[in-house]
Amino acid sequence: MGQDTSTGGTPAVTRGATPAVATDGSPAVTIASDPAQIRRQIDQTRLELGDTVAALAVKADVKTQALERRRAAVSWSREHRMPLAAGGALVVALVVLRIVRG
């Protein structure tokens, strides 16, 4: 969607050190002519791809996210025992009062 179909939706490729912009406004791929620079670009792309995959893996791990939320909730409840106990006692008192009054 939104990509130039005249080139099959692929980014434009240029040679040289300066990146170009494809005719559809998307960033173009720059290919260096120096083999060492090409290797550095490949290494950089691999690192970026690895970071992206790792971030997606974390987002996709629903079980771990649920466990982390549970741990946070348990930790919070341990830190706030008195307010929780007071709130619970208030609820019990209201229920008993309602039962007694009928």
Protein backbone atom coordinates (compact mmCIF):
# COMPACT_ATOMS: atom_id res chain seq x y z
CA MET A 1 0.00 0.00 0.00
CA GLY A 2 1.35 3.39 -0.91
CA GLN A 3 4.37 1.94 -2.70
CA ASP A 4 5.24 2.53 -6.30
CA THR A 5 4.00 -0.50 -8.24
CA SER A 6 6.04 0.39 -11.31
CA THR A 7 9.11 -0.98 -9.52
CA GLY A 8 7.28 -3.86 -7.92
CA GLY A 9 6.92 -2.00 -4.61
CA THR A 10 10.65 -2.26 -3.90
CA PRO A 11 12.76 0.71 -2.85
CA ALA A 12 14.88 2.46 -5.43
CA VAL A 13 18.54 1.44 -5.48
CA THR A 14 21.35 3.93 -5.96
CA ARG A 15 25.10 3.59 -5.97
CA GLY A 16 27.34 5.89 -4.00
CA ALA A 17 27.56 7.23 -0.47
CA THR A 18 24.51 9.49 -0.40
CA PRO A 19 21.06 8.01 0.15
CA ALA A 20 18.40 8.97 -2.35
CA VAL A 21 14.64 9.17 -2.20
CA ALA A 22 12.54 6.98 -4.46
CA THR A 23 9.97 8.58 -6.74
CA ASP A 24 7.17 7.53 -4.37
CA GLY A 25 8.84 9.36 -1.46
CA SER A 26 10.09 6.24 0.35
CA PRO A 27 13.74 6.04 1.33
CA ALA A 28 15.96 4.51 -1.30
CA VAL A 29 18.52 1.81 -0.66
CA THR A 30 22.11 3.00 -1.01
CA ILE A 31 24.70 0.48 -2.16
CA ALA A 32 28.28 1.38 -1.40
CA SER A 33 30.97 0.57 -3.93
CA ASP A 34 33.62 -0.22 -1.27
CA PRO A 35 33.45 -3.88 -0.10
CA ALA A 36 34.42 -2.92 3.47
CA GLN A 37 31.63 -0.37 3.60
CA ILE A 38 29.19 -2.93 2.21
CA ARG A 39 30.19 -5.34 4.99
CA ARG A 40 29.68 -2.60 7.61
CA GLN A 41 26.23 -1.85 6.17
CA ILE A 42 25.34 -5.55 6.24
CA ASP A 43 26.53 -5.85 9.86
CA GLN A 44 24.55 -2.75 10.83
CA THR A 45 21.44 -4.07 9.11
CA ARG A 46 21.83 -7.42 10.88
CA LEU A 47 22.09 -5.67 14.25
CA GLU A 48 18.99 -3.59 13.55
CA LEU A 49 17.08 -6.64 12.35
CA GLY A 50 18.15 -8.58 15.44
CA ASP A 51 16.90 -5.76 17.69
CA THR A 52 13.61 -5.66 15.81
CA VAL A 53 13.11 -9.42 16.07
CA ALA A 54 13.94 -9.35 19.79
CA ALA A 55 11.43 -6.54 20.39
CA LEU A 56 8.75 -8.42 18.47
CA ALA A 57 9.48 -11.61 20.42
CA VAL A 58 8.98 -9.76 23.70
CA LYS A 59 5.67 -8.32 22.50
CA ALA A 60 4.50 -11.71 21.25
CA ASP A 61 5.27 -13.48 24.55
CA VAL A 62 1.87 -13.06 26.17
CA LYS A 63 2.54 -15.56 28.95
CA THR A 64 5.60 -13.67 30.18
CA GLN A 65 3.74 -10.36 29.98
CA ALA A 66 0.92 -11.81 32.10
CA LEU A 67 3.39 -13.14 34.66
CA GLU A 68 5.13 -9.75 34.85
CA ARG A 69 1.79 -7.99 35.40
CA ARG A 70 0.90 -10.52 38.09
CA ARG A 71 4.24 -9.98 39.83
CA ALA A 72 3.76 -6.23 39.71
CA ALA A 73 0.24 -6.54 41.16
CA VAL A 74 1.42 -8.83 43.96
CA SER A 75 4.30 -6.49 44.73
CA TRP A 76 1.97 -3.49 44.78
CA SER A 77 -0.50 -5.27 47.07
CA ARG A 78 2.30 -6.19 49.48
CA GLU A 79 3.42 -2.59 49.63
CA HIS A 80 -0.14 -1.33 50.22
CA ARG A 81 -1.49 -3.91 52.69
CA MET A 82 -3.02 -1.44 55.12
CA PRO A 83 -5.16 0.45 52.60
CA LEU A 84 -6.27 -2.84 51.07
CA ALA A 85 -7.12 -4.28 54.47
CA ALA A 86 -9.03 -1.14 55.43
CA GLY A 87 -10.95 -1.24 52.15
CA GLY A 88 -11.74 -4.92 52.63
CA ALA A 89 -12.92 -4.30 56.18
CA LEU A 90 -15.15 -1.50 54.93
CA VAL A 91 -16.73 -3.76 52.31
CA VAL A 92 -17.34 -6.50 54.89
CA ALA A 93 -18.89 -3.98 57.30
CA LEU A 94 -21.21 -2.66 54.58
CA VAL A 95 -22.30 -6.18 53.60
CA VAL A 96 -22.97 -7.14 57.24
CA LEU A 97 -24.87 -3.89 57.84
CA ARG A 98 -27.00 -4.50 54.77
CA ILE A 99 -27.77 -8.07 55.87
CA VAL A 100 -28.67 -6.97 59.41
CA ARG A 101 -30.95 -4.16 58.22
CA GLY A 102 -32.59 -6.54 55.79
